[in-house]
Amino acid sequence: MRISHQDAMRIVTEMSGIIDYPVNMMNDRGTIIASTDPKRIGQFHEGASQIVERNLDRMNVENDNEYAGAREGVNFPILFQNTIVGVVGITGKRAEVAKYGEIIKKMTEILLLDSYLKEQKLRDETIRNRFLEEWIFTENAEQDPSFPERGKSIGIDVEKARRVFILSPEGMTDCDETAEGRRLAEQMEKAVRGRLKREQGCLVLRSGDKMFCIASRRTDEQMKRLAAAVQREAEEEFEIPFFAGIDGSQAGFSSVYAACRQAEKALRAARSRRGSRLRLYDEVTVDIFLNEISDARKEEYIRRIFRGCGDEEVKEWVRLLEVFFRANDSISKAAEELFMHKNTLQYRLKKLVEETGLDARTMPDAALFYLAVLFYRELHPEEST
């Protein structure tokens, strides 16, 4: 194990603060890599070199001229897995600093072990995340003969049936572009991971503003309850809306890639601001392909349906039709919600026929208008009723 300059400086700073004496750390070649005296960093310390070469338990330096680069004080080997990986030294009168030697040695080894374990954890998380990225974003990843074994080596059984839901906060599509955005996104990911630790076999990967949550096999209702619980707790903790999309009931049984694509489509439907912020793929209808159509095509379609109408007129017709369709084509219910007389609403619908040549009260014209309303709300979500 190599002691990094960053770890060495952190340990030296902490140790010198405890004993109020100058502290130095040398690597296994005898070079000073951290010191409370910046001028000494990079210098050769013969005493430390002797400790490593001769496998000594301790070295006392009686004066500043006894060993090249060394000053009066005491030096101890730093052991990691029974191997000397460095040396820690305390500068000062030997009678004064000797009593701190064993304590500083042991504390240094503890801090070094803690740093090593954190590095290992980060390394393991990186390997795990790369594997999850491949599983989520590579079609037919499971068909690679080595893929299941690679999964088992990090504790993931890719042959088990899985379900997927995706959680995404509102207004954070560019979260990775700023340090503050990344920090907040990482906090959210940590919170979601913490919540899903209560569930057996759940895996989480954040990609941008999306948190892919891979769960063990569950029914649609169980998935809804799980996603809703995680969504609710995230909203309570971070005080912003979260959207959730759940895969179809069969996709994850054969392919996590396919399940994730379905969950993404359900998430886009949830973001459309029509109804629930949590959507199940099998319950999504027209929204499945709605987001596959470009904004320019949607705008063109609206103009064709409401041909000859100005922007304000289109806005008013969309509002009227939205209420009409929500009332299941009931003139009475729609008129009540619009605060107008039934005859007035009938007159308005007839006028719409005159202007567009289409009748919202009959099929297939009603379907054409309904699609135009959906497109309009996609393009103008801020105007939703």
Protein backbone atom coordinates (compact mmCIF):
# COMPACT_ATOMS: atom_id res chain seq x y z
CA MET A 1 0.00 0.00 0.00
CA ARG A 2 1.25 3.48 -0.91
CA ILE A 3 0.47 6.37 1.42
CA SER A 4 -0.83 9.32 -0.60
CA HIS A 5 0.39 12.86 0.09
CA GLN A 6 -3.20 13.89 0.81
CA ASP A 7 -3.73 11.16 3.44
CA ALA A 8 -0.32 11.81 4.96
CA MET A 9 -0.98 15.57 5.33
CA ARG A 10 -4.38 14.91 6.88
CA ILE A 11 -2.89 12.53 9.44
CA VAL A 12 0.06 14.83 10.23
CA THR A 13 -2.25 17.79 10.73
CA GLU A 14 -4.49 15.81 13.09
CA MET A 15 -1.58 14.36 15.08
CA SER A 16 0.26 17.67 15.52
CA GLY A 17 -2.95 19.22 16.78
CA ILE A 18 -3.22 16.57 19.49
CA ILE A 19 0.36 16.65 20.88
CA ASP A 20 1.48 20.18 19.92
CA TYR A 21 4.83 18.94 18.56
CA PRO A 22 6.07 18.90 14.95
CA VAL A 23 5.11 15.66 13.18
CA ASN A 24 6.53 14.19 9.96
CA MET A 25 5.52 11.25 7.82
CA MET A 26 7.89 9.39 5.52
CA ASN A 27 7.11 6.83 2.86
CA ASP A 28 8.73 3.39 2.60
CA ARG A 29 11.69 4.90 0.71
CA GLY A 30 12.49 7.37 3.47
CA THR A 31 11.20 10.48 1.69
CA ILE A 32 9.29 13.00 3.81
CA ILE A 33 5.83 13.19 2.21
CA ALA A 34 4.05 15.26 4.88
CA SER A 35 5.26 17.56 7.63
CA THR A 36 4.16 20.40 9.85
CA ASP A 37 7.23 22.14 8.38
CA PRO A 38 6.49 22.48 4.62
CA LYS A 39 10.21 23.03 3.88
CA ARG A 40 10.99 19.45 4.86
CA ILE A 41 8.56 17.85 2.41
CA GLY A 42 10.48 16.01 -0.31
CA GLN A 43 13.67 15.68 1.74
CA PHE A 44 15.33 12.33 2.45
CA HIS A 45 15.08 11.09 6.06
CA GLU A 46 17.88 8.59 6.73
CA GLY A 47 16.39 7.49 10.04
CA ALA A 48 13.13 6.47 8.39
CA SER A 49 15.04 4.65 5.67
CA GLN A 50 16.91 2.67 8.33
CA ILE A 51 13.66 1.68 10.05
CA VAL A 52 12.28 0.26 6.77
CA GLU A 53 15.52 -1.48 5.67
CA ARG A 54 16.28 -3.01 9.07
CA ASN A 55 12.65 -3.62 10.08
CA LEU A 56 13.10 -1.69 13.34
CA ASP A 57 10.36 -1.16 15.93
CA ARG A 58 11.61 2.30 16.82
CA MET A 59 14.44 4.74 16.23
CA ASN A 60 15.56 7.51 18.57
CA VAL A 61 17.44 10.42 17.03
CA GLU A 62 19.65 12.02 19.66
CA ASN A 63 20.60 15.15 17.71
CA ASP A 64 20.06 16.87 14.38
CA ASN A 65 23.37 15.61 12.94
CA GLU A 66 23.01 11.90 13.71
CA TYR A 67 21.14 10.94 10.50
CA ALA A 68 20.89 12.82 7.22
CA GLY A 69 17.63 14.79 7.00
CA ALA A 70 16.60 13.78 10.53
CA ARG A 71 16.13 15.91 13.60
CA GLU A 72 16.12 15.12 17.28
CA GLY A 73 13.07 13.10 18.24
CA VAL A 74 11.52 9.64 17.89
CA ASN A 75 10.39 7.68 14.83
CA PHE A 76 8.12 4.64 14.54
CA PRO A 77 7.21 2.33 11.65
CA ILE A 78 3.68 2.45 10.29
CA LEU A 79 2.40 -1.08 9.77
CA PHE A 80 -0.32 -2.13 7.36
CA GLN A 81 -1.14 -5.83 7.15
CA ASN A 82 2.15 -6.56 9.00
CA THR A 83 4.22 -4.65 6.43
CA ILE A 84 6.02 -1.35 6.97
CA VAL A 85 4.46 1.15 4.59
CA GLY A 86 5.91 4.31 6.12
CA VAL A 87 7.34 5.98 9.18
CA VAL A 88 5.94 8.62 11.53
CA GLY A 89 8.27 10.90 13.44
CA ILE A 90 7.86 13.42 16.26
CA THR A 91 10.39 16.22 16.46
CA GLY A 92 11.52 17.44 19.90
CA LYS A 93 13.53 16.55 22.99
CA ARG A 94 13.42 12.77 23.21
CA ALA A 95 12.55 12.83 26.91
CA GLU A 96 9.51 14.98 26.12
CA VAL A 97 8.18 13.34 22.94
CA ALA A 98 8.95 9.67 23.60
CA LYS A 99 5.80 9.24 25.70
CA TYR A 100 3.67 10.13 22.68
CA GLY A 101 5.37 7.74 20.29
CA GLU A 102 3.30 4.55 20.62
CA ILE A 103 0.05 6.51 20.79
CA ILE A 104 0.84 8.47 17.62
CA LYS A 105 1.98 5.30 15.85
CA LYS A 106 -1.25 3.45 16.70
CA MET A 107 -3.50 6.40 15.83
CA THR A 108 -1.68 6.85 12.53
CA GLU A 109 -2.22 3.20 11.65
CA ILE A 110 -5.92 3.47 12.56
CA LEU A 111 -6.37 6.58 10.41
CA LEU A 112 -4.51 4.94 7.54
CA LEU A 113 -6.69 1.83 7.78
CA ASP A 114 -9.80 4.02 7.79
CA SER A 115 -8.58 5.80 4.65
CA TYR A 116 -7.83 2.45 2.98
CA LEU A 117 -11.29 1.08 3.79
CA LYS A 118 -12.93 4.23 2.38
CA GLU A 119 -10.89 3.88 -0.81
CA GLN A 120 -11.87 0.23 -1.10
CA LYS A 121 -15.52 1.10 -0.57
CA LEU A 122 -15.32 3.78 -3.27
CA ARG A 123 -13.58 1.33 -5.60
CA ASP A 124 -16.22 -1.33 -4.98
CA GLU A 125 -19.00 1.20 -5.57
CA THR A 126 -17.38 2.26 -8.85
CA ILE A 127 -17.15 -1.35 -10.05
CA ARG A 128 -20.75 -1.99 -8.98
CA ASN A 129 -22.03 1.18 -10.68
CA ARG A 130 -20.25 0.36 -13.93
CA PHE A 131 -21.82 -3.08 -13.88
CA LEU A 132 -25.27 -1.60 -13.25
CA GLU A 133 -24.74 0.91 -16.07
CA GLU A 134 -23.97 -1.93 -18.45
CA TRP A 135 -27.01 -3.88 -17.27
CA ILE A 136 -29.35 -0.89 -17.57
CA PHE A 137 -28.10 0.71 -20.78
CA THR A 138 -26.80 -2.23 -22.86
CA GLU A 139 -29.37 -4.25 -24.75
CA ASN A 140 -29.00 -8.03 -24.28
CA ALA A 141 -26.23 -7.56 -21.69
CA GLU A 142 -27.45 -10.73 -19.95
CA GLN A 143 -26.59 -12.77 -23.05
CA ASP A 144 -22.86 -12.21 -22.55
CA PRO A 145 -21.65 -15.55 -21.06
CA SER A 146 -19.37 -13.74 -18.59
CA PHE A 147 -22.04 -11.31 -17.42
CA PRO A 148 -23.74 -13.53 -14.78
CA GLU A 149 -20.39 -14.50 -13.25
CA ARG A 150 -19.25 -10.88 -13.12
CA GLY A 151 -22.50 -10.07 -11.35
CA LYS A 152 -22.05 -12.83 -8.79
CA SER A 153 -18.52 -11.59 -8.03
CA ILE A 154 -20.04 -8.32 -6.74
CA GLY A 155 -23.10 -9.91 -5.14
CA ILE A 156 -25.65 -9.37 -7.94
CA ASP A 157 -27.68 -12.27 -9.34
CA VAL A 158 -28.71 -11.17 -12.84
CA GLU A 159 -30.71 -14.35 -13.41
CA LYS A 160 -33.35 -13.41 -10.84
CA ALA A 161 -36.60 -11.84 -12.07
CA ARG A 162 -36.58 -8.08 -11.52
CA ARG A 163 -38.86 -5.04 -11.66
CA VAL A 164 -37.76 -1.45 -12.24
CA PHE A 165 -38.99 1.99 -11.28
CA ILE A 166 -37.31 5.32 -11.94
CA LEU A 167 -37.49 8.30 -9.61
CA SER A 168 -36.67 11.81 -10.82
CA PRO A 169 -36.92 15.22 -9.12
CA GLU A 170 -38.55 18.17 -10.82
CA GLY A 171 -36.30 20.80 -12.37
CA MET A 172 -32.96 18.98 -12.10
CA THR A 173 -32.24 17.86 -15.67
CA ASP A 174 -28.93 19.78 -15.59
CA CYS A 175 -27.93 18.67 -12.08
CA ASP A 176 -24.47 17.37 -13.08
CA GLU A 177 -23.43 20.66 -14.69
CA THR A 178 -22.73 22.43 -11.37
CA ALA A 179 -21.06 21.40 -8.13
CA GLU A 180 -24.17 22.38 -6.15
CA GLY A 181 -26.40 20.37 -8.49
CA ARG A 182 -24.19 17.28 -8.19
CA ARG A 183 -24.08 17.62 -4.42
CA LEU A 184 -27.87 17.76 -4.17
CA ALA A 185 -28.33 14.88 -6.64
CA GLU A 186 -25.88 12.75 -4.63
CA GLN A 187 -27.78 13.54 -1.42
CA MET A 188 -31.00 12.42 -3.11
CA GLU A 189 -29.37 9.23 -4.33
CA LYS A 190 -28.06 8.52 -0.84
CA ALA A 191 -31.53 9.06 0.63
CA VAL A 192 -33.14 6.72 -1.91
CA ARG A 193 -30.47 4.06 -1.31
CA GLY A 194 -31.05 4.36 2.42
CA ARG A 195 -34.80 3.93 2.01
CA LEU A 196 -34.43 0.91 -0.26
CA LYS A 197 -32.05 -0.83 2.14
CA ARG A 198 -35.21 -1.82 4.01
CA GLU A 199 -36.26 -3.81 0.94
CA GLN A 200 -34.54 -7.07 0.11
CA GLY A 201 -32.51 -7.20 -3.09
CA CYS A 202 -32.96 -3.58 -4.28
CA LEU A 203 -30.26 -1.88 -6.36
CA VAL A 204 -29.96 1.83 -7.16
CA LEU A 205 -28.04 3.72 -9.85
CA ARG A 206 -28.20 7.44 -10.51
CA SER A 207 -27.74 8.64 -14.08
CA GLY A 208 -28.19 12.39 -14.36
CA ASP A 209 -31.50 13.32 -12.76
CA LYS A 210 -32.84 9.75 -12.91
CA MET A 211 -32.50 7.20 -10.13
CA PHE A 212 -32.96 3.68 -11.52
CA CYS A 213 -34.30 1.41 -8.79
CA ILE A 214 -34.07 -2.32 -9.55
CA ALA A 215 -36.23 -4.40 -7.23
CA SER A 216 -36.90 -8.10 -6.83
CA ARG A 217 -39.98 -9.56 -8.49
CA ARG A 218 -43.19 -7.86 -7.34
CA THR A 219 -46.77 -7.42 -8.49
CA ASP A 220 -47.91 -4.13 -10.01
CA GLU A 221 -49.63 -3.13 -6.76
CA GLN A 222 -46.53 -3.95 -4.72
CA MET A 223 -44.39 -1.90 -7.12
CA LYS A 224 -46.81 1.01 -6.87
CA ARG A 225 -46.69 0.92 -3.07
CA LEU A 226 -42.91 0.72 -3.03
CA ALA A 227 -42.37 3.52 -5.58
CA ALA A 228 -45.00 5.71 -3.91
CA ALA A 229 -43.38 5.27 -0.49
CA VAL A 230 -39.92 6.19 -1.80
CA GLN A 231 -41.41 9.11 -3.76
CA ARG A 232 -43.29 10.43 -0.73
CA GLU A 233 -40.28 10.24 1.59
CA ALA A 234 -38.04 11.96 -0.99
CA GLU A 235 -40.58 14.78 -1.43
CA GLU A 236 -40.84 15.24 2.34
CA GLU A 237 -37.07 15.34 2.80
CA PHE A 238 -36.15 17.60 -0.14
CA GLU A 239 -39.41 19.58 -0.41
CA ILE A 240 -39.70 19.34 -4.20
CA PRO A 241 -41.93 17.16 -6.42
CA PHE A 242 -40.59 13.80 -7.59
CA PHE A 243 -41.90 11.86 -10.59
CA ALA A 244 -41.91 8.07 -10.81
CA GLY A 245 -42.26 5.63 -13.70
CA ILE A 246 -42.74 1.87 -13.26
CA ASP A 247 -42.03 -0.83 -15.84
CA GLY A 248 -44.55 -3.29 -17.27
CA SER A 249 -45.32 -6.44 -15.31
CA GLN A 250 -43.47 -8.76 -17.73
CA ALA A 251 -40.51 -6.76 -19.07
CA GLY A 252 -38.11 -7.19 -16.15
CA PHE A 253 -38.63 -10.95 -16.02
CA SER A 254 -36.46 -11.36 -19.11
CA SER A 255 -34.54 -8.10 -19.56
CA VAL A 256 -33.64 -5.28 -17.18
CA TYR A 257 -32.77 -3.18 -20.24
CA ALA A 258 -36.32 -3.53 -21.59
CA ALA A 259 -37.80 -2.88 -18.15
CA CYS A 260 -35.78 0.34 -17.84
CA ARG A 261 -36.94 1.58 -21.24
CA GLN A 262 -40.55 0.98 -20.23
CA ALA A 263 -40.00 2.72 -16.89
CA GLU A 264 -38.52 5.70 -18.77
CA LYS A 265 -41.64 5.95 -20.94
CA ALA A 266 -43.84 5.76 -17.87
CA LEU A 267 -41.70 8.48 -16.24
CA ARG A 268 -42.17 10.75 -19.26
CA ALA A 269 -45.92 10.20 -18.97
CA ALA A 270 -45.77 11.12 -15.28
CA ARG A 271 -43.91 14.31 -16.18
CA SER A 272 -46.65 15.32 -18.62
CA ARG A 273 -48.55 16.91 -15.67
CA ARG A 274 -51.81 15.22 -16.52
CA GLY A 275 -52.88 13.44 -13.36
CA SER A 276 -50.61 11.40 -11.09
CA ARG A 277 -46.87 12.00 -10.80
CA LEU A 278 -46.50 8.20 -10.59
CA ARG A 279 -47.31 6.14 -13.67
CA LEU A 280 -47.24 2.42 -14.43
CA TYR A 281 -46.23 1.49 -17.98
CA ASP A 282 -49.12 -0.95 -18.46
CA GLU A 283 -51.59 1.80 -17.56
CA VAL A 284 -50.15 4.38 -19.96
CA THR A 285 -51.91 4.68 -23.32
CA VAL A 286 -51.34 7.55 -25.74
CA ASP A 287 -48.49 8.89 -23.59
CA ILE A 288 -46.32 5.96 -24.68
CA PHE A 289 -45.72 7.54 -28.07
CA LEU A 290 -46.52 11.17 -27.21
CA ASN A 291 -42.94 12.00 -26.29
CA GLU A 292 -41.61 10.26 -29.41
CA ILE A 293 -43.11 13.07 -31.53
CA SER A 294 -41.07 16.26 -31.95
CA ASP A 295 -42.38 19.58 -30.64
CA ALA A 296 -42.39 20.92 -34.20
CA ARG A 297 -44.69 18.10 -35.37
CA LYS A 298 -46.98 18.64 -32.39
CA GLU A 299 -47.21 22.36 -33.19
CA GLU A 300 -47.95 21.60 -36.81
CA TYR A 301 -50.73 19.18 -35.85
CA ILE A 302 -52.35 21.75 -33.53
CA ARG A 303 -52.30 24.35 -36.30
CA ARG A 304 -53.94 21.94 -38.72
CA ILE A 305 -56.72 21.04 -36.27
CA PHE A 306 -57.39 24.65 -35.25
CA ARG A 307 -56.75 26.06 -38.71
CA GLY A 308 -57.47 29.76 -38.99
CA CYS A 309 -57.47 30.31 -35.19
CA GLY A 310 -55.10 32.71 -33.43
CA ASP A 311 -52.99 31.80 -30.39
CA GLU A 312 -55.54 33.12 -27.87
CA GLU A 313 -58.39 31.38 -29.65
CA VAL A 314 -56.51 28.07 -29.60
CA LYS A 315 -55.83 28.54 -25.91
CA GLU A 316 -59.55 29.09 -25.19
CA TRP A 317 -60.67 26.15 -27.35
CA VAL A 318 -58.17 23.85 -25.62
CA ARG A 319 -59.45 24.88 -22.19
CA LEU A 320 -63.06 24.29 -23.25
CA LEU A 321 -62.29 20.90 -24.83
CA GLU A 322 -60.23 19.78 -21.87
CA VAL A 323 -63.15 20.36 -19.54
CA PHE A 324 -65.57 18.77 -22.02
CA PHE A 325 -63.50 15.58 -22.30
CA ARG A 326 -62.94 15.47 -18.52
CA ALA A 327 -66.74 15.53 -18.13
CA ASN A 328 -66.98 12.47 -20.38
CA ASP A 329 -68.75 14.53 -23.09
CA SER A 330 -71.49 15.53 -20.65
CA ILE A 331 -72.78 18.98 -21.67
CA SER A 332 -74.33 19.55 -18.24
CA LYS A 333 -71.19 18.69 -16.23
CA ALA A 334 -68.87 20.60 -18.58
CA ALA A 335 -71.10 23.69 -18.57
CA GLU A 336 -71.18 23.67 -14.78
CA GLU A 337 -67.38 23.53 -14.53
CA LEU A 338 -67.04 26.27 -17.16
CA PHE A 339 -69.60 28.44 -15.36
CA MET A 340 -71.78 28.82 -18.44
CA HIS A 341 -75.26 27.79 -19.52
CA LYS A 342 -75.73 24.49 -21.36
CA ASN A 343 -77.04 26.32 -24.42
CA THR A 344 -73.99 28.57 -24.43
CA LEU A 345 -71.69 25.55 -24.41
CA GLN A 346 -73.69 23.94 -27.24
CA TYR A 347 -73.37 27.17 -29.20
CA ARG A 348 -69.61 27.25 -28.60
CA LEU A 349 -69.20 23.65 -29.78
CA LYS A 350 -71.19 24.41 -32.94
CA LYS A 351 -68.99 27.44 -33.56
CA LEU A 352 -65.94 25.19 -33.23
CA VAL A 353 -67.40 23.00 -36.00
CA GLU A 354 -67.81 26.07 -38.21
CA GLU A 355 -64.24 27.19 -37.65
CA THR A 356 -62.49 23.81 -37.91
CA GLY A 357 -64.87 21.50 -39.75
CA LEU A 358 -64.58 19.03 -36.88
CA ASP A 359 -67.22 18.10 -34.27
CA ALA A 360 -65.86 17.34 -30.77
CA ARG A 361 -69.14 15.60 -29.88
CA THR A 362 -68.68 12.76 -32.35
CA MET A 363 -66.04 10.22 -33.31
CA PRO A 364 -63.52 10.26 -34.92
CA ASP A 365 -63.37 14.06 -34.67
CA ALA A 366 -63.36 13.89 -30.86
CA ALA A 367 -60.19 11.75 -30.99
CA LEU A 368 -58.48 14.29 -33.26
CA PHE A 369 -59.32 17.10 -30.85
CA TYR A 370 -58.27 15.02 -27.84
CA LEU A 371 -54.83 14.46 -29.38
CA ALA A 372 -54.53 18.18 -30.16
CA VAL A 373 -55.30 18.98 -26.50
CA LEU A 374 -52.64 16.51 -25.33
CA PHE A 375 -50.07 18.04 -27.68
CA TYR A 376 -50.96 21.55 -26.55
CA ARG A 377 -50.52 20.64 -22.88
CA GLU A 378 -47.17 19.04 -23.68
CA LEU A 379 -46.02 22.29 -25.27
CA HIS A 380 -47.65 24.60 -22.70
CA PRO A 381 -47.64 22.80 -19.32
CA GLU A 382 -47.70 26.09 -17.44
CA GLU A 383 -51.25 26.72 -18.73
CA SER A 384 -52.72 23.47 -17.38
CA THR A 385 -56.13 23.87 -15.79
